[in-house]
Amino acid sequence: METPDVRFWAERGGLLIKRARQAASLNQTALADLSGTSRTTLSAYEHGRKSPTLETAGRILDAAGFHLALEPKIGFTEHEGPFHVPDRLPRLPTAQALARVDYPAGNLRDLADRDDRREVYMAVLTGGSAEDVLRYVDGVLLIDLWSELELSETVRRAWAPLVHASLRA
């Protein structure tokens, strides 16, 4: 696997800062003032033209009401079918884990509703992409539904080690 270049990380960091600013409903001037930087510098960060130090990024995110945190990287194995199994169970923000979704396409579902969530999870586990797993499946909610999911033996066998490891932890 090739390591991304510096430009890639500058753009990702800039997007992170921009998303935090937008989520806080702040314009660049307001966030720059709150974080002790200039608007032009903040703009350069958001557009990936400059990279803030970790300390500066932390200060900007803090001013927007967020904090830097470590998040485990999740890798996937593709199985015949095809279906994708992660190397660890994902955790979703509450709003995302309980969102209203259109999955599979044309099927509006409410993940806050247990029956709807079961239907989405069965569809994702049996034929969803890796991105679908990361978008719709919360590990804790999956464990809660595990015994109720109607899955092929192949899919159940592939996912079972993750579920059982989490139950033992």
C-alpha atoms as a PDB file:
ATOM      1  CA  MET A   1       0.000   0.000   0.000  1.00  0.00           C
ATOM      2  CA  GLU A   2       1.382   3.355  -1.044  1.00  0.00           C
ATOM      3  CA  THR A   3       1.716   6.112   1.563  1.00  0.00           C
ATOM      4  CA  PRO A   4      -0.253   9.268   0.628  1.00  0.00           C
ATOM      5  CA  ASP A   5       1.837  12.356  -0.096  1.00  0.00           C
ATOM      6  CA  VAL A   6       1.953  15.586   1.893  1.00  0.00           C
ATOM      7  CA  ARG A   7      -0.620  17.267  -0.387  1.00  0.00           C
ATOM      8  CA  PHE A   8      -3.127  14.500   0.369  1.00  0.00           C
ATOM      9  CA  TRP A   9      -2.801  15.079   4.123  1.00  0.00           C
ATOM     10  CA  ALA A  10      -2.969  18.863   3.734  1.00  0.00           C
ATOM     11  CA  GLU A  11      -6.240  18.506   1.815  1.00  0.00           C
ATOM     12  CA  ARG A  12      -7.679  16.007   4.330  1.00  0.00           C
ATOM     13  CA  GLY A  13      -6.704  18.275   7.243  1.00  0.00           C
ATOM     14  CA  GLY A  14      -8.199  21.268   5.484  1.00  0.00           C
ATOM     15  CA  LEU A  15     -11.450  19.409   4.894  1.00  0.00           C
ATOM     16  CA  LEU A  16     -11.556  18.427   8.565  1.00  0.00           C
ATOM     17  CA  ILE A  17     -11.160  22.054   9.652  1.00  0.00           C
ATOM     18  CA  LYS A  18     -13.766  23.227   7.140  1.00  0.00           C
ATOM     19  CA  ARG A  19     -16.284  20.593   8.272  1.00  0.00           C
ATOM     20  CA  ALA A  20     -15.759  21.547  11.917  1.00  0.00           C
ATOM     21  CA  ARG A  21     -16.252  25.229  11.085  1.00  0.00           C
ATOM     22  CA  GLN A  22     -19.428  24.533   9.107  1.00  0.00           C
ATOM     23  CA  ALA A  23     -20.808  22.220  11.807  1.00  0.00           C
ATOM     24  CA  ALA A  24     -20.248  25.025  14.322  1.00  0.00           C
ATOM     25  CA  SER A  25     -22.098  27.449  11.984  1.00  0.00           C
ATOM     26  CA  LEU A  26     -19.113  29.786  11.927  1.00  0.00           C
ATOM     27  CA  ASN A  27     -17.689  31.754   9.035  1.00  0.00           C
ATOM     28  CA  GLN A  28     -13.937  31.863   8.498  1.00  0.00           C
ATOM     29  CA  THR A  29     -13.556  35.261  10.156  1.00  0.00           C
ATOM     30  CA  ALA A  30     -15.362  34.161  13.315  1.00  0.00           C
ATOM     31  CA  LEU A  31     -13.391  30.915  13.647  1.00  0.00           C
ATOM     32  CA  ALA A  32     -10.121  32.700  12.925  1.00  0.00           C
ATOM     33  CA  ASP A  33     -10.885  35.207  15.693  1.00  0.00           C
ATOM     34  CA  LEU A  34     -11.864  32.476  18.156  1.00  0.00           C
ATOM     35  CA  SER A  35      -8.765  30.406  17.405  1.00  0.00           C
ATOM     36  CA  GLY A  36      -6.214  33.211  17.307  1.00  0.00           C
ATOM     37  CA  THR A  37      -5.283  32.930  13.641  1.00  0.00           C
ATOM     38  CA  SER A  38      -5.973  35.072  10.600  1.00  0.00           C
ATOM     39  CA  ARG A  39      -8.814  34.481   8.166  1.00  0.00           C
ATOM     40  CA  THR A  40      -6.378  34.188   5.244  1.00  0.00           C
ATOM     41  CA  THR A  41      -4.349  31.558   7.067  1.00  0.00           C
ATOM     42  CA  LEU A  42      -7.509  29.642   7.995  1.00  0.00           C
ATOM     43  CA  SER A  43      -8.593  29.770   4.352  1.00  0.00           C
ATOM     44  CA  ALA A  44      -5.198  28.438   3.266  1.00  0.00           C
ATOM     45  CA  TYR A  45      -5.582  25.535   5.714  1.00  0.00           C
ATOM     46  CA  GLU A  46      -9.112  24.753   4.509  1.00  0.00           C
ATOM     47  CA  HIS A  47      -8.003  24.717   0.873  1.00  0.00           C
ATOM     48  CA  GLY A  48      -4.913  22.590   1.520  1.00  0.00           C
ATOM     49  CA  ARG A  49      -2.476  25.337   0.525  1.00  0.00           C
ATOM     50  CA  LYS A  50      -0.894  25.276   3.995  1.00  0.00           C
ATOM     51  CA  SER A  51      -0.734  22.659   6.735  1.00  0.00           C
ATOM     52  CA  PRO A  52      -1.213  23.676  10.362  1.00  0.00           C
ATOM     53  CA  THR A  53       0.919  22.148  13.077  1.00  0.00           C
ATOM     54  CA  LEU A  54      -0.886  19.616  15.238  1.00  0.00           C
ATOM     55  CA  GLU A  55      -1.059  22.222  18.017  1.00  0.00           C
ATOM     56  CA  THR A  56      -2.626  24.799  15.666  1.00  0.00           C
ATOM     57  CA  ALA A  57      -5.104  22.300  14.213  1.00  0.00           C
ATOM     58  CA  GLY A  58      -6.101  21.340  17.753  1.00  0.00           C
ATOM     59  CA  ARG A  59      -6.593  24.978  18.710  1.00  0.00           C
ATOM     60  CA  ILE A  60      -8.757  25.661  15.627  1.00  0.00           C
ATOM     61  CA  LEU A  61     -10.873  22.552  16.139  1.00  0.00           C
ATOM     62  CA  ASP A  62     -11.244  23.350  19.847  1.00  0.00           C
ATOM     63  CA  ALA A  63     -12.474  26.853  18.981  1.00  0.00           C
ATOM     64  CA  ALA A  64     -15.098  25.235  16.706  1.00  0.00           C
ATOM     65  CA  GLY A  65     -16.207  22.952  19.554  1.00  0.00           C
ATOM     66  CA  PHE A  66     -14.372  19.787  18.515  1.00  0.00           C
ATOM     67  CA  HIS A  67     -11.269  17.926  19.653  1.00  0.00           C
ATOM     68  CA  LEU A  68      -8.673  15.819  17.915  1.00  0.00           C
ATOM     69  CA  ALA A  69      -9.056  12.122  18.630  1.00  0.00           C
ATOM     70  CA  LEU A  70      -7.539   8.856  17.525  1.00  0.00           C
ATOM     71  CA  GLU A  71      -9.848   6.700  15.491  1.00  0.00           C
ATOM     72  CA  PRO A  72      -8.910   3.154  14.600  1.00  0.00           C
ATOM     73  CA  LYS A  73      -8.278   2.532  10.935  1.00  0.00           C
ATOM     74  CA  ILE A  74     -10.546  -0.182   9.589  1.00  0.00           C
ATOM     75  CA  GLY A  75      -9.409  -2.552   6.851  1.00  0.00           C
ATOM     76  CA  PHE A  76     -11.634  -4.926   4.884  1.00  0.00           C
ATOM     77  CA  THR A  77     -11.530  -8.376   3.382  1.00  0.00           C
ATOM     78  CA  GLU A  78     -13.714  -8.939   0.335  1.00  0.00           C
ATOM     79  CA  HIS A  79     -15.439 -12.319   0.204  1.00  0.00           C
ATOM     80  CA  GLU A  80     -17.135 -14.054  -2.685  1.00  0.00           C
ATOM     81  CA  GLY A  81     -20.673 -12.943  -3.055  1.00  0.00           C
ATOM     82  CA  PRO A  82     -19.326 -10.260  -2.837  1.00  0.00           C
ATOM     83  CA  PHE A  83     -19.529  -9.038   0.715  1.00  0.00           C
ATOM     84  CA  HIS A  84     -17.021  -7.132   2.845  1.00  0.00           C
ATOM     85  CA  VAL A  85     -15.910  -7.901   6.394  1.00  0.00           C
ATOM     86  CA  PRO A  86     -13.953  -5.344   8.429  1.00  0.00           C
ATOM     87  CA  ASP A  87     -11.003  -6.212  10.640  1.00  0.00           C
ATOM     88  CA  ARG A  88     -12.746  -4.455  13.551  1.00  0.00           C
ATOM     89  CA  LEU A  89     -16.315  -3.386  14.231  1.00  0.00           C
ATOM     90  CA  PRO A  90     -16.989   0.241  13.343  1.00  0.00           C
ATOM     91  CA  ARG A  91     -18.539   2.717  15.790  1.00  0.00           C
ATOM     92  CA  LEU A  92     -20.755   5.415  14.339  1.00  0.00           C
ATOM     93  CA  PRO A  93     -21.755   8.775  15.765  1.00  0.00           C
ATOM     94  CA  THR A  94     -25.227   8.438  17.318  1.00  0.00           C
ATOM     95  CA  ALA A  95     -26.942  10.606  14.698  1.00  0.00           C
ATOM     96  CA  GLN A  96     -25.494   8.452  11.917  1.00  0.00           C
ATOM     97  CA  ALA A  97     -26.190   5.138  13.678  1.00  0.00           C
ATOM     98  CA  LEU A  98     -29.861   6.080  14.115  1.00  0.00           C
ATOM     99  CA  ALA A  99     -30.381   8.049  10.883  1.00  0.00           C
ATOM    100  CA  ARG A 100     -33.038   7.685   8.226  1.00  0.00           C
ATOM    101  CA  VAL A 101     -31.426   6.057   5.209  1.00  0.00           C
ATOM    102  CA  ASP A 102     -32.246   4.925   1.686  1.00  0.00           C
ATOM    103  CA  TYR A 103     -30.642   1.486   1.660  1.00  0.00           C
ATOM    104  CA  PRO A 104     -30.750  -0.503  -0.434  1.00  0.00           C
ATOM    105  CA  ALA A 105     -31.653   2.260  -2.900  1.00  0.00           C
ATOM    106  CA  GLY A 106     -35.384   2.816  -3.031  1.00  0.00           C
ATOM    107  CA  ASN A 107     -35.958   1.463   0.497  1.00  0.00           C
ATOM    108  CA  LEU A 108     -36.323   4.269   3.012  1.00  0.00           C
ATOM    109  CA  ARG A 109     -35.448   2.965   6.461  1.00  0.00           C
ATOM    110  CA  ASP A 110     -35.130   4.430   9.944  1.00  0.00           C
ATOM    111  CA  LEU A 111     -32.104   2.974  11.743  1.00  0.00           C
ATOM    112  CA  ALA A 112     -33.655   4.042  15.054  1.00  0.00           C
ATOM    113  CA  ASP A 113     -36.348   1.425  14.368  1.00  0.00           C
ATOM    114  CA  ARG A 114     -35.054  -2.048  15.277  1.00  0.00           C
ATOM    115  CA  ASP A 115     -36.877  -3.831  12.435  1.00  0.00           C
ATOM    116  CA  ASP A 116     -35.653  -1.324   9.835  1.00  0.00           C
ATOM    117  CA  ARG A 117     -32.113  -1.513  11.224  1.00  0.00           C
ATOM    118  CA  ARG A 118     -32.205  -5.315  11.014  1.00  0.00           C
ATOM    119  CA  GLU A 119     -33.229  -5.133   7.337  1.00  0.00           C
ATOM    120  CA  VAL A 120     -30.460  -2.630   6.511  1.00  0.00           C
ATOM    121  CA  TYR A 121     -27.831  -4.618   8.414  1.00  0.00           C
ATOM    122  CA  MET A 122     -28.776  -7.851   6.660  1.00  0.00           C
ATOM    123  CA  ALA A 123     -28.515  -6.118   3.267  1.00  0.00           C
ATOM    124  CA  VAL A 124     -25.183  -4.468   4.089  1.00  0.00           C
ATOM    125  CA  LEU A 125     -23.606  -7.574   5.622  1.00  0.00           C
ATOM    126  CA  THR A 126     -24.595  -9.790   2.714  1.00  0.00           C
ATOM    127  CA  GLY A 127     -23.889  -7.524  -0.238  1.00  0.00           C
ATOM    128  CA  GLY A 128     -22.836  -4.041   0.778  1.00  0.00           C
ATOM    129  CA  SER A 129     -19.565  -2.378  -0.070  1.00  0.00           C
ATOM    130  CA  ALA A 130     -16.894  -1.538   2.493  1.00  0.00           C
ATOM    131  CA  GLU A 131     -18.171   2.052   2.368  1.00  0.00           C
ATOM    132  CA  ASP A 132     -21.699   0.820   3.139  1.00  0.00           C
ATOM    133  CA  VAL A 133     -20.429  -0.994   6.235  1.00  0.00           C
ATOM    134  CA  LEU A 134     -18.723   2.186   7.440  1.00  0.00           C
ATOM    135  CA  ARG A 135     -21.768   4.321   6.635  1.00  0.00           C
ATOM    136  CA  TYR A 136     -24.558   2.162   8.115  1.00  0.00           C
ATOM    137  CA  VAL A 137     -23.285  -0.473  10.564  1.00  0.00           C
ATOM    138  CA  ASP A 138     -22.547   0.363  14.187  1.00  0.00           C
ATOM    139  CA  GLY A 139     -20.688  -2.418  15.999  1.00  0.00           C
ATOM    140  CA  VAL A 140     -22.644  -2.188  19.256  1.00  0.00           C
ATOM    141  CA  LEU A 141     -25.994  -2.186  17.454  1.00  0.00           C
ATOM    142  CA  LEU A 142     -24.832  -5.084  15.274  1.00  0.00           C
ATOM    143  CA  ILE A 143     -23.973  -7.160  18.345  1.00  0.00           C
ATOM    144  CA  ASP A 144     -27.387  -6.361  19.804  1.00  0.00           C
ATOM    145  CA  LEU A 145     -29.102  -7.615  16.604  1.00  0.00           C
ATOM    146  CA  TRP A 146     -26.713 -10.480  15.811  1.00  0.00           C
ATOM    147  CA  SER A 147     -28.959 -13.367  16.882  1.00  0.00           C
ATOM    148  CA  GLU A 148     -31.900 -11.898  14.929  1.00  0.00           C
ATOM    149  CA  LEU A 149     -30.118 -11.457  11.600  1.00  0.00           C
ATOM    150  CA  GLU A 150     -31.042 -13.878   8.846  1.00  0.00           C
ATOM    151  CA  LEU A 151     -27.687 -14.451   7.136  1.00  0.00           C
ATOM    152  CA  SER A 152     -26.287 -17.172   4.957  1.00  0.00           C
ATOM    153  CA  GLU A 153     -23.940 -19.554   6.750  1.00  0.00           C
ATOM    154  CA  THR A 154     -21.026 -18.133   4.714  1.00  0.00           C
ATOM    155  CA  VAL A 155     -21.738 -14.549   5.774  1.00  0.00           C
ATOM    156  CA  ARG A 156     -22.424 -15.495   9.397  1.00  0.00           C
ATOM    157  CA  ARG A 157     -19.188 -17.507   9.599  1.00  0.00           C
ATOM    158  CA  ALA A 158     -17.156 -14.608   8.159  1.00  0.00           C
ATOM    159  CA  TRP A 159     -18.596 -12.020  10.587  1.00  0.00           C
ATOM    160  CA  ALA A 160     -18.844 -14.247  13.687  1.00  0.00           C
ATOM    161  CA  PRO A 161     -15.224 -13.867  14.901  1.00  0.00           C
ATOM    162  CA  LEU A 162     -15.651 -10.075  15.146  1.00  0.00           C
ATOM    163  CA  VAL A 163     -18.934 -10.350  16.973  1.00  0.00           C
ATOM    164  CA  HIS A 164     -17.725 -13.030  19.384  1.00  0.00           C
ATOM    165  CA  ALA A 165     -14.478 -11.182  20.102  1.00  0.00           C
ATOM    166  CA  SER A 166     -16.486  -8.101  21.018  1.00  0.00           C
ATOM    167  CA  LEU A 167     -18.762 -10.094  23.296  1.00  0.00           C
ATOM    168  CA  ARG A 168     -15.740 -11.485  25.161  1.00  0.00           C
ATOM    169  CA  ALA A 169     -14.124  -8.064  25.574  1.00  0.00           C
END
